[in-house]
């Protein structure tokens, strides 16, 4: 994979991480609202766990691409 291709993927990965952070924060807000209203929040919590797992994968992929870019820019 070329440096340009990797940088393009890295840019997209950073966007996914940012969007994922927003989704996780929003889900926390939803859970808070449900709990303040005395509603069952189990489904919302389960969705939050899924979102957090996805976010972990997005972050790991971004970090991997960053390491590849460093290797391409400054080979050992």
PDB file of N, CA and C in Angstrom:
ATOM      1  N   UNK A   1       0.851  -1.168   0.000  1.00  0.00           N
ATOM      2  CA  UNK A   1       0.000   0.000   0.000  1.00  0.00           C
ATOM      3  C   UNK A   1       0.902   1.238   0.000  1.00  0.00           C
ATOM      4  N   UNK A   2       0.566   2.204  -0.825  1.00  0.00           N
ATOM      5  CA  UNK A   2       1.384   3.408  -0.932  1.00  0.00           C
ATOM      6  C   UNK A   2       1.088   4.363   0.228  1.00  0.00           C
ATOM      7  N   UNK A   3       1.963   5.323   0.391  1.00  0.00           N
ATOM      8  CA  UNK A   3       1.784   6.328   1.434  1.00  0.00           C
ATOM      9  C   UNK A   3       0.495   7.115   1.202  1.00  0.00           C
ATOM     10  N   UNK A   4       0.242   7.501  -0.033  1.00  0.00           N
ATOM     11  CA  UNK A   4      -0.968   8.274  -0.346  1.00  0.00           C
ATOM     12  C   UNK A   4      -2.222   7.470  -0.001  1.00  0.00           C
ATOM     13  N   UNK A   5      -2.250   6.209  -0.396  1.00  0.00           N
ATOM     14  CA  UNK A   5      -3.406   5.358  -0.091  1.00  0.00           C
ATOM     15  C   UNK A   5      -3.596   5.211   1.419  1.00  0.00           C
ATOM     16  N   UNK A   6      -2.501   5.020   2.116  1.00  0.00           N
ATOM     17  CA  UNK A   6      -2.570   4.838   3.562  1.00  0.00           C
ATOM     18  C   UNK A   6      -3.044   6.116   4.242  1.00  0.00           C
ATOM     19  N   UNK A   7      -2.567   7.250   3.774  1.00  0.00           N
ATOM     20  CA  UNK A   7      -3.009   8.529   4.349  1.00  0.00           C
ATOM     21  C   UNK A   7      -4.501   8.759   4.110  1.00  0.00           C
ATOM     22  N   UNK A   8      -4.989   8.358   2.949  1.00  0.00           N
ATOM     23  CA  UNK A   8      -6.423   8.481   2.668  1.00  0.00           C
ATOM     24  C   UNK A   8      -7.226   7.599   3.624  1.00  0.00           C
ATOM     25  N   UNK A   9      -6.768   6.372   3.813  1.00  0.00           N
ATOM     26  CA  UNK A   9      -7.441   5.472   4.748  1.00  0.00           C
ATOM     27  C   UNK A   9      -7.373   6.002   6.174  1.00  0.00           C
ATOM     28  N   UNK A  10      -6.230   6.574   6.523  1.00  0.00           N
ATOM     29  CA  UNK A  10      -6.063   7.128   7.860  1.00  0.00           C
ATOM     30  C   UNK A  10      -7.025   8.288   8.085  1.00  0.00           C
ATOM     31  N   UNK A  11      -7.197   9.112   7.094  1.00  0.00           N
ATOM     32  CA  UNK A  11      -8.135  10.227   7.201  1.00  0.00           C
ATOM     33  C   UNK A  11      -9.559   9.720   7.459  1.00  0.00           C
ATOM     34  N   UNK A  12      -9.959   8.704   6.716  1.00  0.00           N
ATOM     35  CA  UNK A  12     -11.288   8.118   6.908  1.00  0.00           C
ATOM     36  C   UNK A  12     -11.399   7.466   8.287  1.00  0.00           C
ATOM     37  N   UNK A  13     -10.345   6.786   8.705  1.00  0.00           N
ATOM     38  CA  UNK A  13     -10.364   6.125  10.010  1.00  0.00           C
ATOM     39  C   UNK A  13     -10.510   7.151  11.128  1.00  0.00           C
ATOM     40  N   UNK A  14      -9.836   8.282  10.994  1.00  0.00           N
ATOM     41  CA  UNK A  14      -9.967   9.341  12.000  1.00  0.00           C
ATOM     42  C   UNK A  14     -11.390   9.881  12.040  1.00  0.00           C
ATOM     43  N   UNK A  15     -12.026   9.992  10.878  1.00  0.00           N
ATOM     44  CA  UNK A  15     -13.423  10.436  10.836  1.00  0.00           C
ATOM     45  C   UNK A  15     -14.332   9.427  11.547  1.00  0.00           C
ATOM     46  N   UNK A  16     -14.098   8.145  11.304  1.00  0.00           N
ATOM     47  CA  UNK A  16     -14.905   7.113  11.960  1.00  0.00           C
ATOM     48  C   UNK A  16     -14.728   7.149  13.478  1.00  0.00           C
ATOM     49  N   UNK A  17     -13.493   7.381  13.922  1.00  0.00           N
ATOM     50  CA  UNK A  17     -13.240   7.461  15.361  1.00  0.00           C
ATOM     51  C   UNK A  17     -13.993   8.654  15.944  1.00  0.00           C
ATOM     52  N   UNK A  18     -13.941   9.784  15.280  1.00  0.00           N
ATOM     53  CA  UNK A  18     -14.639  10.982  15.762  1.00  0.00           C
ATOM     54  C   UNK A  18     -16.155  10.751  15.789  1.00  0.00           C
ATOM     55  N   UNK A  19     -16.688  10.176  14.719  1.00  0.00           N
ATOM     56  CA  UNK A  19     -18.124   9.894  14.676  1.00  0.00           C
ATOM     57  C   UNK A  19     -18.511   8.871  15.743  1.00  0.00           C
ATOM     58  N   UNK A  20     -17.648   7.899  15.943  1.00  0.00           N
ATOM     59  CA  UNK A  20     -17.908   6.883  16.967  1.00  0.00           C
ATOM     60  C   UNK A  20     -17.951   7.489  18.353  1.00  0.00           C
ATOM     61  N   UNK A  21     -17.045   8.428  18.618  1.00  0.00           N
ATOM     62  CA  UNK A  21     -17.042   9.109  19.915  1.00  0.00           C
ATOM     63  C   UNK A  21     -18.366   9.833  20.133  1.00  0.00           C
ATOM     64  N   UNK A  22     -18.847  10.485  19.083  1.00  0.00           N
ATOM     65  CA  UNK A  22     -20.113  11.200  19.181  1.00  0.00           C
ATOM     66  C   UNK A  22     -21.275  10.232  19.438  1.00  0.00           C
ATOM     67  N   UNK A  23     -21.267   9.097  18.777  1.00  0.00           N
ATOM     68  CA  UNK A  23     -22.325   8.094  18.981  1.00  0.00           C
ATOM     69  C   UNK A  23     -22.315   7.570  20.417  1.00  0.00           C
ATOM     70  N   UNK A  24     -21.127   7.300  20.939  1.00  0.00           N
ATOM     71  CA  UNK A  24     -21.008   6.797  22.307  1.00  0.00           C
ATOM     72  C   UNK A  24     -21.508   7.855  23.294  1.00  0.00           C
ATOM     73  N   UNK A  25     -21.108   9.105  23.102  1.00  0.00           N
ATOM     74  CA  UNK A  25     -21.574  10.178  23.985  1.00  0.00           C
ATOM     75  C   UNK A  25     -23.089  10.327  23.916  1.00  0.00           C
ATOM     76  N   UNK A  26     -23.634  10.270  22.714  1.00  0.00           N
ATOM     77  CA  UNK A  26     -25.082  10.391  22.542  1.00  0.00           C
ATOM     78  C   UNK A  26     -25.809   9.246  23.240  1.00  0.00           C
ATOM     79  N   UNK A  27     -25.261   8.044  23.130  1.00  0.00           N
ATOM     80  CA  UNK A  27     -25.896   6.900  23.773  1.00  0.00           C
ATOM     81  C   UNK A  27     -25.857   7.047  25.288  1.00  0.00           C
ATOM     82  N   UNK A  28     -24.771   7.600  25.826  1.00  0.00           N
ATOM     83  CA  UNK A  28     -24.706   7.872  27.267  1.00  0.00           C
ATOM     84  C   UNK A  28     -25.812   8.849  27.667  1.00  0.00           C
ATOM     85  N   UNK A  29     -26.039   9.858  26.843  1.00  0.00           N
ATOM     86  CA  UNK A  29     -27.101  10.829  27.123  1.00  0.00           C
ATOM     87  C   UNK A  29     -28.469  10.153  27.122  1.00  0.00           C
ATOM     88  N   UNK A  30     -28.697   9.286  26.157  1.00  0.00           N
ATOM     89  CA  UNK A  30     -29.972   8.568  26.076  1.00  0.00           C
ATOM     90  C   UNK A  30     -30.189   7.728  27.330  1.00  0.00           C
ATOM     91  N   UNK A  31     -29.155   7.027  27.748  1.00  0.00           N
ATOM     92  CA  UNK A  31     -29.256   6.192  28.947  1.00  0.00           C
ATOM     93  C   UNK A  31     -29.570   7.066  30.158  1.00  0.00           C
ATOM     94  N   UNK A  32     -28.888   8.189  30.258  1.00  0.00           N
ATOM     95  CA  UNK A  32     -29.147   9.105  31.370  1.00  0.00           C
ATOM     96  C   UNK A  32     -30.586   9.581  31.389  1.00  0.00           C
ATOM     97  N   UNK A  33     -31.120   9.955  30.225  1.00  0.00           N
ATOM     98  CA  UNK A  33     -32.512  10.406  30.143  1.00  0.00           C
ATOM     99  C   UNK A  33     -33.483   9.294  30.539  1.00  0.00           C
ATOM    100  N   UNK A  34     -33.228   8.106  30.025  1.00  0.00           N
ATOM    101  CA  UNK A  34     -34.098   6.979  30.365  1.00  0.00           C
ATOM    102  C   UNK A  34     -34.108   6.725  31.871  1.00  0.00           C
ATOM    103  N   UNK A  35     -32.925   6.739  32.462  1.00  0.00           N
ATOM    104  CA  UNK A  35     -32.827   6.441  33.894  1.00  0.00           C
ATOM    105  C   UNK A  35     -33.441   7.556  34.733  1.00  0.00           C
ATOM    106  N   UNK A  36     -33.274   8.809  34.320  1.00  0.00           N
ATOM    107  CA  UNK A  36     -33.891   9.922  35.056  1.00  0.00           C
ATOM    108  C   UNK A  36     -35.414   9.833  35.017  1.00  0.00           C
ATOM    109  N   UNK A  37     -35.940   9.284  33.939  1.00  0.00           N
ATOM    110  CA  UNK A  37     -37.391   9.145  33.788  1.00  0.00           C
ATOM    111  C   UNK A  37     -37.910   7.830  34.363  1.00  0.00           C
ATOM    112  N   UNK A  38     -37.013   7.059  34.942  1.00  0.00           N
ATOM    113  CA  UNK A  38     -37.415   5.800  35.549  1.00  0.00           C
ATOM    114  C   UNK A  38     -37.738   4.703  34.539  1.00  0.00           C
ATOM    115  N   UNK A  39     -37.210   4.830  33.353  1.00  0.00           N
ATOM    116  CA  UNK A  39     -37.478   3.855  32.291  1.00  0.00           C
ATOM    117  C   UNK A  39     -36.429   2.752  32.301  1.00  0.00           C
ATOM    118  N   UNK A  40     -36.765   1.650  31.651  1.00  0.00           N
ATOM    119  CA  UNK A  40     -35.832   0.527  31.507  1.00  0.00           C
ATOM    120  C   UNK A  40     -34.748   0.923  30.496  1.00  0.00           C
ATOM    121  N   UNK A  41     -33.514   0.880  30.927  1.00  0.00           N
ATOM    122  CA  UNK A  41     -32.412   1.296  30.056  1.00  0.00           C
ATOM    123  C   UNK A  41     -31.553   0.124  29.580  1.00  0.00           C
ATOM    124  N   UNK A  42     -31.994  -1.101  29.841  1.00  0.00           N
ATOM    125  CA  UNK A  42     -31.172  -2.271  29.510  1.00  0.00           C
ATOM    126  C   UNK A  42     -30.815  -2.322  28.030  1.00  0.00           C
ATOM    127  N   UNK A  43     -31.781  -2.164  27.149  1.00  0.00           N
ATOM    128  CA  UNK A  43     -31.500  -2.221  25.710  1.00  0.00           C
ATOM    129  C   UNK A  43     -30.519  -1.121  25.300  1.00  0.00           C
ATOM    130  N   UNK A  44     -30.682   0.062  25.872  1.00  0.00           N
ATOM    131  CA  UNK A  44     -29.786   1.169  25.558  1.00  0.00           C
ATOM    132  C   UNK A  44     -28.368   0.881  26.051  1.00  0.00           C
ATOM    133  N   UNK A  45     -28.268   0.233  27.192  1.00  0.00           N
ATOM    134  CA  UNK A  45     -26.952  -0.124  27.735  1.00  0.00           C
ATOM    135  C   UNK A  45     -26.296  -1.187  26.863  1.00  0.00           C
ATOM    136  N   UNK A  46     -27.086  -2.155  26.418  1.00  0.00           N
ATOM    137  CA  UNK A  46     -26.534  -3.193  25.537  1.00  0.00           C
ATOM    138  C   UNK A  46     -26.049  -2.586  24.223  1.00  0.00           C
ATOM    139  N   UNK A  47     -26.807  -1.633  23.691  1.00  0.00           N
ATOM    140  CA  UNK A  47     -26.371  -0.946  22.474  1.00  0.00           C
ATOM    141  C   UNK A  47     -25.092  -0.163  22.738  1.00  0.00           C
ATOM    142  N   UNK A  48     -25.006   0.483  23.891  1.00  0.00           N
ATOM    143  CA  UNK A  48     -23.791   1.213  24.249  1.00  0.00           C
ATOM    144  C   UNK A  48     -22.587   0.280  24.272  1.00  0.00           C
ATOM    145  N   UNK A  49     -22.755  -0.895  24.826  1.00  0.00           N
ATOM    146  CA  UNK A  49     -21.645  -1.856  24.861  1.00  0.00           C
ATOM    147  C   UNK A  49     -21.203  -2.221  23.447  1.00  0.00           C
ATOM    148  N   UNK A  50     -22.146  -2.401  22.557  1.00  0.00           N
ATOM    149  CA  UNK A  50     -21.818  -2.702  21.159  1.00  0.00           C
ATOM    150  C   UNK A  50     -21.085  -1.526  20.521  1.00  0.00           C
ATOM    151  N   UNK A  51     -21.588  -0.317  20.757  1.00  0.00           N
ATOM    152  CA  UNK A  51     -20.934   0.874  20.208  1.00  0.00           C
ATOM    153  C   UNK A  51     -19.511   1.011  20.736  1.00  0.00           C
ATOM    154  N   UNK A  52     -19.323   0.744  22.015  1.00  0.00           N
ATOM    155  CA  UNK A  52     -17.977   0.842  22.601  1.00  0.00           C
ATOM    156  C   UNK A  52     -17.040  -0.212  22.011  1.00  0.00           C
ATOM    157  N   UNK A  53     -17.548  -1.400  21.775  1.00  0.00           N
ATOM    158  CA  UNK A  53     -16.726  -2.441  21.128  1.00  0.00           C
ATOM    159  C   UNK A  53     -16.325  -2.007  19.718  1.00  0.00           C
ATOM    160  N   UNK A  54     -17.290  -1.451  18.985  1.00  0.00           N
ATOM    161  CA  UNK A  54     -16.994  -0.956  17.637  1.00  0.00           C
ATOM    162  C   UNK A  54     -15.974   0.174  17.698  1.00  0.00           C
ATOM    163  N   UNK A  55     -16.130   1.058  18.676  1.00  0.00           N
ATOM    164  CA  UNK A  55     -15.205   2.179  18.815  1.00  0.00           C
ATOM    165  C   UNK A  55     -13.789   1.679  19.091  1.00  0.00           C
ATOM    166  N   UNK A  56     -13.679   0.677  19.928  1.00  0.00           N
ATOM    167  CA  UNK A  56     -12.362   0.082  20.206  1.00  0.00           C
ATOM    168  C   UNK A  56     -11.729  -0.430  18.915  1.00  0.00           C
ATOM    169  N   UNK A  57     -12.528  -1.061  18.057  1.00  0.00           N
ATOM    170  CA  UNK A  57     -12.017  -1.574  16.777  1.00  0.00           C
ATOM    171  C   UNK A  57     -11.604  -0.419  15.863  1.00  0.00           C
ATOM    172  N   UNK A  58     -12.403   0.654  15.824  1.00  0.00           N
ATOM    173  CA  UNK A  58     -12.057   1.816  14.999  1.00  0.00           C
ATOM    174  C   UNK A  58     -10.735   2.429  15.460  1.00  0.00           C
ATOM    175  N   UNK A  59     -10.579   2.571  16.771  1.00  0.00           N
ATOM    176  CA  UNK A  59      -9.355   3.161  17.329  1.00  0.00           C
ATOM    177  C   UNK A  59      -8.154   2.271  17.019  1.00  0.00           C
ATOM    178  N   UNK A  60      -8.307   0.976  17.163  1.00  0.00           N
ATOM    179  CA  UNK A  60      -7.207   0.052  16.873  1.00  0.00           C
ATOM    180  C   UNK A  60      -6.811   0.132  15.404  1.00  0.00           C
ATOM    181  N   UNK A  61      -7.806   0.216  14.523  1.00  0.00           N
ATOM    182  CA  UNK A  61      -7.515   0.320  13.086  1.00  0.00           C
ATOM    183  C   UNK A  61      -6.800   1.640  12.778  1.00  0.00           C
ATOM    184  N   UNK A  62      -7.281   2.727  13.364  1.00  0.00           N
ATOM    185  CA  UNK A  62      -6.626   4.025  13.169  1.00  0.00           C
ATOM    186  C   UNK A  62      -5.175   3.970  13.642  1.00  0.00           C
ATOM    187  N   UNK A  63      -4.969   3.408  14.821  1.00  0.00           N
ATOM    188  CA  UNK A  63      -3.618   3.315  15.374  1.00  0.00           C
ATOM    189  C   UNK A  63      -2.712   2.478  14.473  1.00  0.00           C
ATOM    190  N   UNK A  64      -3.262   1.407  13.923  1.00  0.00           N
ATOM    191  CA  UNK A  64      -2.500   0.554  13.009  1.00  0.00           C
ATOM    192  C   UNK A  64      -2.091   1.333  11.759  1.00  0.00           C
ATOM    193  N   UNK A  65      -3.025   2.100  11.208  1.00  0.00           N
ATOM    194  CA  UNK A  65      -2.706   2.908  10.029  1.00  0.00           C
ATOM    195  C   UNK A  65      -1.658   3.967  10.351  1.00  0.00           C
ATOM    196  N   UNK A  66      -1.735   4.549  11.536  1.00  0.00           N
ATOM    197  CA  UNK A  66      -0.726   5.540  11.933  1.00  0.00           C
ATOM    198  C   UNK A  66       0.658   4.903  12.002  1.00  0.00           C
ATOM    199  N   UNK A  67       0.737   3.677  12.509  1.00  0.00           N
ATOM    200  CA  UNK A  67       2.028   2.980  12.562  1.00  0.00           C
ATOM    201  C   UNK A  67       2.545   2.690  11.153  1.00  0.00           C
ATOM    202  N   UNK A  68       1.639   2.326  10.243  1.00  0.00           N
ATOM    203  CA  UNK A  68       2.045   2.055   8.852  1.00  0.00           C
ATOM    204  C   UNK A  68       2.578   3.323   8.213  1.00  0.00           C
ATOM    205  N   UNK A  69       1.894   4.440   8.448  1.00  0.00           N
ATOM    206  CA  UNK A  69       2.359   5.716   7.878  1.00  0.00           C
ATOM    207  C   UNK A  69       3.751   6.043   8.396  1.00  0.00           C
ATOM    208  N   UNK A  70       3.964   5.866   9.685  1.00  0.00           N
ATOM    209  CA  UNK A  70       5.292   6.140  10.248  1.00  0.00           C
ATOM    210  C   UNK A  70       6.361   5.260   9.608  1.00  0.00           C
ATOM    211  N   UNK A  71       6.016   4.010   9.360  1.00  0.00           N
ATOM    212  CA  UNK A  71       6.961   3.095   8.727  1.00  0.00           C
ATOM    213  C   UNK A  71       7.254   3.527   7.288  1.00  0.00           C
ATOM    214  N   UNK A  72       6.222   3.974   6.585  1.00  0.00           N
ATOM    215  CA  UNK A  72       6.406   4.396   5.188  1.00  0.00           C
ATOM    216  C   UNK A  72       7.194   5.700   5.094  1.00  0.00           C
ATOM    217  N   UNK A  73       6.983   6.578   6.059  1.00  0.00           N
ATOM    218  CA  UNK A  73       7.665   7.875   6.041  1.00  0.00           C
ATOM    219  C   UNK A  73       9.098   7.747   6.512  1.00  0.00           C
ATOM    220  N   UNK A  74       9.287   6.920   7.520  1.00  0.00           N
ATOM    221  CA  UNK A  74      10.625   6.768   8.128  1.00  0.00           C
ATOM    222  C   UNK A  74      10.944   5.287   8.264  1.00  0.00           C
ATOM    223  N   UNK A  75      11.314   4.651   7.172  1.00  0.00           N
ATOM    224  CA  UNK A  75      11.642   3.217   7.247  1.00  0.00           C
ATOM    225  C   UNK A  75      12.844   2.983   8.162  1.00  0.00           C
ATOM    226  N   UNK A  76      12.847   1.829   8.805  1.00  0.00           N
ATOM    227  CA  UNK A  76      13.926   1.521   9.756  1.00  0.00           C
ATOM    228  C   UNK A  76      15.210   1.193   9.064  1.00  0.00           C
TER     229      UNK A  76
END
